[in-house]
Amino acid sequence: MPKTKNQKLKILYVAKYLLENSDENHPVVTDKIVDYLEKCGISAEKRSVYKDINVLATDIDNGGDLGIEIIRGHRNMYRLLSRPFDFDDLRLLAQCVYSMKFIPEAQAKKLINVLGKFCSKHQANDLKSETILCDRVKSKQKGTMQIISAINTAMAKQQDGKPHTPQKISFKYLKYTINNVHQQVERRKGNTYKVSPYKMIINDGNYYLLAFDDKDQAFRTYRIDRMKNLKILDEPRNGEDVFAEIDLTTYTRRVFGMYGGAKETVTMRFINPLLDTVVDRFGTGAHILYMPDDKSHFKVITDVEISKQFFGWICGFGNEAVIESPQNVVEQFNAHIEKIQNKYK
């Protein structure tokens, strides 16, 4: 049989067909592979396809094969059982993509299509249809992925294999107004923010940048999907000494769990059935102390940023949670409750 242009690539095309068309539930037959090769301009006989598949199914050094299973019969069938990612792994990654509010819908679909290239076309269709998210507000801001890429470039300590000094960035920051909740406007009357970027953090489906603000000499968090006109500046970033003292686990828990405010070490008392909820909120690290109080209650001592959001969280438990100390926080909480009561008199 005369050789065609792509003849030497035949075994690669056979592997490509198996990757795209077979999995544990969808075996393929030799005839289908031969037809596919012919469409690709490659001459093939069944016997040569058998040989290619046997090579692909060879166990190289105990584990180097593609994981091809041959189902013997009057028509041999083949299915691919081993891939770089298990389908359950890809399903989880797809669900994570769908759940991220900072990823616009069109970008999410594009990423799911990329994940689909790591499994068969049958499984790829499942990735697109299995996950349904209800009441999920997706970002409409364009260019979010480019902004993320630029921030990573600014924070990089190596570029093109050479040492790189992390740089500051500038951007404009957006917000909603009651006049038009469908279109965000620029904060600070359009003035530019200038910060030193350090970490990107995902919380509740949103993507945030942790950055050092030169003006306030403090770390702040910024929603990445609310940035626009981001630029990398030719200035080295500041705040290295401050960042070195931050415990990121406790910092993010305080900032995202209770919002900004003065930090206080607070003692709280809860009924025992709320233990799971409290642990979900504060964690179990060395920064927090749990202790039994009586048969029905336990106490928690931890650092909390005192704010209306923290007081609101406590109020949600009614008489099942109590702030015990320090006294100044108890007084602030009482004043918070009194203001609410006055609104309803």
Protein backbone atom coordinates (compact mmCIF):
# COMPACT_ATOMS: atom_id res chain seq x y z
CA MET A 1 0.00 0.00 0.00
CA PRO A 2 1.47 3.38 -0.97
CA LYS A 3 2.57 5.65 1.86
CA THR A 4 0.65 8.87 2.40
CA LYS A 5 1.93 12.14 3.80
CA ASN A 6 0.74 11.41 7.33
CA GLN A 7 1.52 7.69 7.35
CA LYS A 8 4.26 7.96 9.98
CA LEU A 9 1.78 9.73 12.29
CA LYS A 10 -0.79 6.93 12.07
CA ILE A 11 -0.27 5.59 15.59
CA LEU A 12 -0.70 9.12 16.98
CA TYR A 13 -3.99 9.50 15.11
CA VAL A 14 -5.14 6.14 16.49
CA ALA A 15 -4.34 7.36 20.02
CA LYS A 16 -6.15 10.66 19.32
CA TYR A 17 -9.28 8.81 18.17
CA LEU A 18 -9.31 6.65 21.27
CA LEU A 19 -8.82 9.70 23.54
CA GLU A 20 -11.71 11.56 21.95
CA ASN A 21 -14.19 8.77 21.32
CA SER A 22 -13.75 6.02 23.92
CA ASP A 23 -14.07 5.65 27.66
CA GLU A 24 -15.14 2.89 30.03
CA ASN A 25 -18.75 3.15 28.78
CA HIS A 26 -18.05 3.75 25.08
CA PRO A 27 -15.79 1.17 23.40
CA VAL A 28 -14.98 1.57 19.69
CA VAL A 29 -14.47 -0.98 16.93
CA THR A 30 -11.63 -1.28 14.42
CA ASP A 31 -13.80 -0.32 11.45
CA LYS A 32 -14.53 3.08 13.00
CA ILE A 33 -10.83 3.73 13.54
CA VAL A 34 -10.00 2.77 9.93
CA ASP A 35 -12.74 5.11 8.64
CA TYR A 36 -11.36 7.94 10.79
CA LEU A 37 -7.81 7.37 9.51
CA GLU A 38 -9.01 7.44 5.91
CA LYS A 39 -10.73 10.81 6.55
CA CYS A 40 -7.40 12.06 7.89
CA GLY A 41 -5.67 11.02 4.67
CA ILE A 42 -3.97 7.97 6.17
CA SER A 43 -4.16 4.58 4.49
CA ALA A 44 -4.84 1.81 7.00
CA GLU A 45 -5.78 -1.85 7.19
CA LYS A 46 -7.40 -3.53 10.17
CA ARG A 47 -4.28 -5.58 10.77
CA SER A 48 -2.08 -2.46 11.04
CA VAL A 49 -4.58 -0.86 13.45
CA TYR A 50 -4.41 -4.02 15.63
CA LYS A 51 -0.62 -3.62 15.78
CA ASP A 52 -0.85 0.10 16.66
CA ILE A 53 -3.29 -0.57 19.49
CA ASN A 54 -1.16 -3.40 20.85
CA VAL A 55 1.79 -0.98 20.93
CA LEU A 56 -0.30 1.68 22.68
CA ALA A 57 -1.53 -0.91 25.18
CA THR A 58 1.99 -2.11 25.99
CA ASP A 59 2.94 -1.64 29.64
CA ILE A 60 6.09 0.48 29.41
CA ASP A 61 8.14 0.17 32.60
CA ASN A 62 5.06 -0.97 34.53
CA GLY A 63 2.72 1.92 33.93
CA GLY A 64 3.63 3.86 30.83
CA ASP A 65 0.71 2.67 28.72
CA LEU A 66 -2.45 4.61 27.80
CA GLY A 67 -4.63 2.19 29.74
CA ILE A 68 -6.29 0.67 26.68
CA GLU A 69 -8.48 -2.37 27.30
CA ILE A 70 -9.05 -4.78 24.42
CA ILE A 71 -12.43 -6.56 24.45
CA ARG A 72 -11.95 -9.75 22.46
CA GLY A 73 -14.68 -11.09 20.18
CA HIS A 74 -15.56 -11.56 16.55
CA ARG A 75 -15.16 -7.77 16.34
CA ASN A 76 -12.47 -6.53 18.68
CA MET A 77 -13.47 -3.45 20.65
CA TYR A 78 -11.25 -0.98 22.47
CA ARG A 79 -11.81 1.50 25.27
CA LEU A 80 -9.49 3.89 27.04
CA LEU A 81 -9.55 3.48 30.82
CA SER A 82 -6.61 5.64 31.88
CA ARG A 83 -6.15 9.38 31.32
CA PRO A 84 -4.12 12.23 32.88
CA PHE A 85 -7.30 13.13 34.82
CA ASP A 86 -10.00 10.84 36.17
CA PHE A 87 -13.44 11.90 35.00
CA ASP A 88 -14.45 12.54 38.62
CA ASP A 89 -11.52 14.99 38.86
CA LEU A 90 -12.65 16.79 35.71
CA ARG A 91 -16.23 16.89 36.98
CA LEU A 92 -15.04 18.54 40.19
CA LEU A 93 -12.95 21.08 38.26
CA ALA A 94 -15.95 21.88 36.05
CA GLN A 95 -18.15 22.44 39.09
CA CYS A 96 -15.51 24.78 40.54
CA VAL A 97 -15.44 26.78 37.30
CA TYR A 98 -19.24 27.04 37.24
CA SER A 99 -19.34 28.19 40.88
CA MET A 100 -16.83 31.05 40.50
CA LYS A 101 -18.83 34.26 40.28
CA PHE A 102 -15.88 36.25 38.97
CA ILE A 103 -15.76 34.15 35.78
CA PRO A 104 -18.21 35.51 33.17
CA GLU A 105 -20.57 32.93 31.67
CA ALA A 106 -18.91 32.95 28.24
CA GLN A 107 -15.46 32.43 29.80
CA ALA A 108 -16.80 29.62 32.00
CA LYS A 109 -18.15 27.78 28.93
CA LYS A 110 -14.79 28.23 27.21
CA LEU A 111 -12.93 26.74 30.19
CA ILE A 112 -15.33 23.79 30.33
CA ASN A 113 -14.60 23.13 26.66
CA VAL A 114 -10.89 23.06 27.51
CA LEU A 115 -11.51 20.55 30.30
CA GLY A 116 -13.50 18.47 27.83
CA LYS A 117 -10.35 17.89 25.80
CA PHE A 118 -9.00 15.73 28.64
CA CYS A 119 -11.82 13.18 28.31
CA SER A 120 -13.95 11.55 25.64
CA LYS A 121 -16.54 13.56 23.71
CA HIS A 122 -19.28 11.66 25.56
CA GLN A 123 -17.88 12.69 28.94
CA ALA A 124 -17.28 16.24 27.66
CA ASN A 125 -21.00 16.55 26.93
CA ASP A 126 -21.70 15.40 30.48
CA LEU A 127 -19.40 18.12 31.85
CA LYS A 128 -21.46 20.75 30.05
CA SER A 129 -24.84 19.48 31.21
CA GLU A 130 -24.40 17.97 34.68
CA THR A 131 -24.00 21.10 36.82
CA ILE A 132 -26.84 23.56 37.34
CA LEU A 133 -26.32 26.54 39.63
CA CYS A 134 -29.33 28.40 40.97
CA ASP A 135 -29.40 32.11 41.85
CA ARG A 136 -25.73 32.60 41.05
CA VAL A 137 -24.87 36.21 40.19
CA LYS A 138 -22.15 36.10 37.55
CA SER A 139 -19.77 38.93 36.84
CA LYS A 140 -20.45 40.88 33.65
CA GLN A 141 -17.09 42.64 33.71
CA LYS A 142 -15.05 41.90 30.60
CA GLY A 143 -11.34 41.23 30.66
CA THR A 144 -11.21 39.64 34.13
CA MET A 145 -8.97 36.81 32.99
CA GLN A 146 -6.53 39.28 31.38
CA ILE A 147 -6.46 41.26 34.64
CA ILE A 148 -5.66 38.08 36.60
CA SER A 149 -2.84 37.31 34.16
CA ALA A 150 -1.43 40.83 34.50
CA ILE A 151 -1.52 40.65 38.31
CA ASN A 152 0.36 37.34 38.23
CA THR A 153 2.94 38.93 35.95
CA ALA A 154 3.37 41.86 38.34
CA MET A 155 3.80 39.52 41.35
CA ALA A 156 6.19 37.11 39.62
CA LYS A 157 9.64 36.67 41.12
CA GLN A 158 10.94 35.09 37.93
CA GLN A 159 10.22 35.88 34.28
CA ASP A 160 11.69 34.10 31.27
CA GLY A 161 13.97 32.14 33.59
CA LYS A 162 15.48 35.30 35.09
CA PRO A 163 14.96 36.95 38.52
CA HIS A 164 12.19 39.56 38.52
CA THR A 165 11.36 42.21 41.11
CA PRO A 166 7.58 42.24 41.84
CA GLN A 167 5.97 45.47 40.67
CA LYS A 168 3.19 47.80 41.71
CA ILE A 169 -0.03 48.02 39.73
CA SER A 170 -2.62 50.71 39.13
CA PHE A 171 -6.30 50.34 38.25
CA LYS A 172 -9.69 51.96 38.45
CA TYR A 173 -12.19 50.40 40.84
CA LEU A 174 -15.90 49.99 40.17
CA LYS A 175 -19.05 50.06 42.30
CA TYR A 176 -22.82 49.94 41.89
CA THR A 177 -25.08 52.94 42.41
CA ILE A 178 -28.76 52.95 43.24
CA ASN A 179 -29.45 54.96 40.09
CA ASN A 180 -28.41 52.05 37.87
CA VAL A 181 -27.69 48.65 39.38
CA HIS A 182 -27.00 47.21 35.92
CA GLN A 183 -23.97 49.36 35.23
CA GLN A 184 -21.04 49.89 37.60
CA VAL A 185 -19.32 53.28 37.90
CA GLU A 186 -15.81 54.25 38.94
CA ARG A 187 -15.04 54.83 42.61
CA ARG A 188 -13.16 57.92 43.83
CA LYS A 189 -14.62 59.88 40.92
CA GLY A 190 -12.44 57.89 38.55
CA ASN A 191 -9.16 58.43 40.38
CA THR A 192 -6.64 55.62 40.03
CA TYR A 193 -5.77 53.12 42.77
CA LYS A 194 -2.06 52.34 43.16
CA VAL A 195 -1.08 49.27 45.22
CA SER A 196 1.55 46.57 45.69
CA PRO A 197 -0.01 43.14 44.89
CA TYR A 198 0.80 40.08 47.03
CA LYS A 199 -1.82 37.33 46.88
CA MET A 200 -5.00 36.45 45.05
CA ILE A 201 -7.69 34.87 47.23
CA ILE A 202 -10.96 33.10 46.37
CA ASN A 203 -13.81 33.57 48.84
CA ASP A 204 -17.48 32.70 48.33
CA GLY A 205 -17.00 32.41 44.58
CA ASN A 206 -15.31 35.81 44.26
CA TYR A 207 -11.66 36.54 43.46
CA TYR A 208 -9.83 39.12 45.56
CA LEU A 209 -6.40 40.73 45.46
CA LEU A 210 -4.57 41.21 48.75
CA ALA A 211 -2.41 44.30 48.23
CA PHE A 212 -0.46 46.87 50.21
CA ASP A 213 -1.83 50.40 49.94
CA ASP A 214 1.00 52.94 50.10
CA LYS A 215 -1.39 55.73 51.03
CA ASP A 216 -2.86 53.96 54.08
CA GLN A 217 0.28 51.92 54.82
CA ALA A 218 -1.93 48.85 55.29
CA PHE A 219 -3.11 45.76 53.43
CA ARG A 220 -6.48 45.90 51.65
CA THR A 221 -8.53 43.45 49.60
CA TYR A 222 -9.99 44.33 46.20
CA ARG A 223 -12.51 42.43 44.07
CA ILE A 224 -10.67 41.57 40.87
CA ASP A 225 -13.82 41.55 38.75
CA ARG A 226 -14.40 45.19 39.80
CA MET A 227 -11.05 46.38 38.45
CA LYS A 228 -10.51 47.95 35.06
CA ASN A 229 -7.68 49.65 33.13
CA LEU A 230 -5.11 47.71 35.17
CA LYS A 231 -1.50 48.61 34.43
CA ILE A 232 1.79 47.19 35.65
CA LEU A 233 3.97 50.03 36.90
CA ASP A 234 7.73 50.30 36.62
CA GLU A 235 8.05 50.54 40.40
CA PRO A 236 9.04 47.81 42.89
CA ARG A 237 6.25 46.89 45.29
CA ASN A 238 6.26 47.96 48.95
CA GLY A 239 5.08 46.28 52.15
CA GLU A 240 7.33 43.22 52.27
CA ASP A 241 8.02 43.62 56.00
CA VAL A 242 4.31 44.04 56.82
CA PHE A 243 3.32 41.07 54.67
CA ALA A 244 5.89 38.85 56.41
CA GLU A 245 4.02 39.34 59.69
CA ILE A 246 0.60 38.38 58.31
CA ASP A 247 -0.89 34.97 59.12
CA LEU A 248 -2.90 34.54 55.92
CA THR A 249 -5.24 31.92 57.38
CA THR A 250 -6.39 34.07 60.29
CA TYR A 251 -6.28 37.26 58.21
CA THR A 252 -8.63 35.96 55.53
CA ARG A 253 -10.93 34.40 58.13
CA ARG A 254 -11.25 37.70 59.98
CA VAL A 255 -11.59 39.86 56.87
CA PHE A 256 -13.99 37.69 54.89
CA GLY A 257 -15.81 36.17 57.86
CA MET A 258 -16.54 39.30 59.84
CA TYR A 259 -15.51 42.22 57.58
CA GLY A 260 -13.29 45.10 58.61
CA GLY A 261 -13.10 46.60 62.10
CA ALA A 262 -10.95 46.89 65.19
CA LYS A 263 -9.50 43.53 66.19
CA GLU A 264 -10.44 42.26 69.66
CA THR A 265 -9.94 38.98 71.51
CA VAL A 266 -13.52 37.97 72.23
CA THR A 267 -15.04 35.28 74.47
CA MET A 268 -18.39 33.89 73.25
CA ARG A 269 -20.75 31.26 74.65
CA PHE A 270 -22.91 29.01 72.43
CA ILE A 271 -25.27 26.06 72.84
CA ASN A 272 -23.60 22.75 71.96
CA PRO A 273 -25.54 22.09 68.69
CA LEU A 274 -23.89 25.21 67.20
CA LEU A 275 -20.37 23.79 67.46
CA ASP A 276 -20.18 22.76 63.78
CA THR A 277 -21.36 26.22 62.68
CA VAL A 278 -18.84 27.99 64.89
CA VAL A 279 -15.96 25.77 63.75
CA ASP A 280 -16.92 26.44 60.11
CA ARG A 281 -16.72 30.16 60.86
CA PHE A 282 -13.52 30.35 62.93
CA GLY A 283 -11.60 27.13 62.19
CA THR A 284 -9.53 25.04 64.58
CA GLY A 285 -6.06 26.58 64.48
CA ALA A 286 -3.80 27.65 67.31
CA HIS A 287 -5.39 31.11 67.21
CA ILE A 288 -8.66 29.86 68.72
CA LEU A 289 -9.58 28.14 71.98
CA TYR A 290 -12.66 25.95 72.41
CA MET A 291 -13.74 24.75 75.87
CA PRO A 292 -16.81 23.13 77.41
CA ASP A 293 -18.80 25.35 79.78
CA ASP A 294 -21.61 23.20 81.14
CA LYS A 295 -23.54 20.23 79.80
CA SER A 296 -25.41 22.38 77.29
CA HIS A 297 -22.89 25.08 76.30
CA PHE A 298 -19.32 25.68 75.13
CA LYS A 299 -17.12 28.77 74.98
CA VAL A 300 -14.86 30.14 72.26
CA ILE A 301 -11.99 32.61 72.62
CA THR A 302 -10.62 34.07 69.38
CA ASP A 303 -9.65 37.29 67.60
CA VAL A 304 -12.55 38.99 65.83
CA GLU A 305 -12.78 42.19 63.82
CA ILE A 306 -15.63 44.04 65.54
CA SER A 307 -18.21 45.23 63.03
CA LYS A 308 -21.93 45.37 62.30
CA GLN A 309 -21.54 42.17 60.30
CA PHE A 310 -20.08 40.36 63.31
CA PHE A 311 -22.91 41.60 65.51
CA GLY A 312 -25.42 40.54 62.85
CA TRP A 313 -23.91 37.06 62.80
CA ILE A 314 -24.30 36.80 66.59
CA CYS A 315 -27.88 38.13 66.41
CA GLY A 316 -28.76 35.33 64.01
CA PHE A 317 -28.48 32.81 66.86
CA GLY A 318 -30.92 34.69 69.11
CA ASN A 319 -30.53 33.65 72.75
CA GLU A 320 -28.38 30.66 71.79
CA ALA A 321 -25.18 32.78 71.60
CA VAL A 322 -23.75 35.40 73.97
CA ILE A 323 -20.72 37.72 73.82
CA GLU A 324 -19.20 37.54 77.32
CA SER A 325 -16.10 39.71 77.06
CA PRO A 326 -14.40 42.10 76.74
CA GLN A 327 -16.84 44.57 78.29
CA ASN A 328 -16.31 47.25 75.62
CA VAL A 329 -17.44 44.80 72.92
CA VAL A 330 -20.48 43.81 75.02
CA GLU A 331 -21.36 47.50 75.30
CA GLN A 332 -20.94 48.03 71.56
CA PHE A 333 -23.21 45.06 70.91
CA ASN A 334 -25.88 46.43 73.29
CA ALA A 335 -25.71 49.81 71.54
CA HIS A 336 -26.08 48.03 68.18
CA ILE A 337 -29.21 46.20 69.38
CA GLU A 338 -30.66 49.39 70.84
CA LYS A 339 -30.26 51.24 67.54
CA ILE A 340 -32.13 48.45 65.76
CA GLN A 341 -34.91 48.49 68.38
CA ASN A 342 -35.31 52.24 68.00
CA LYS A 343 -35.96 51.81 64.29
CA TYR A 344 -39.06 49.74 65.09
CA LYS A 345 -40.56 51.91 67.84
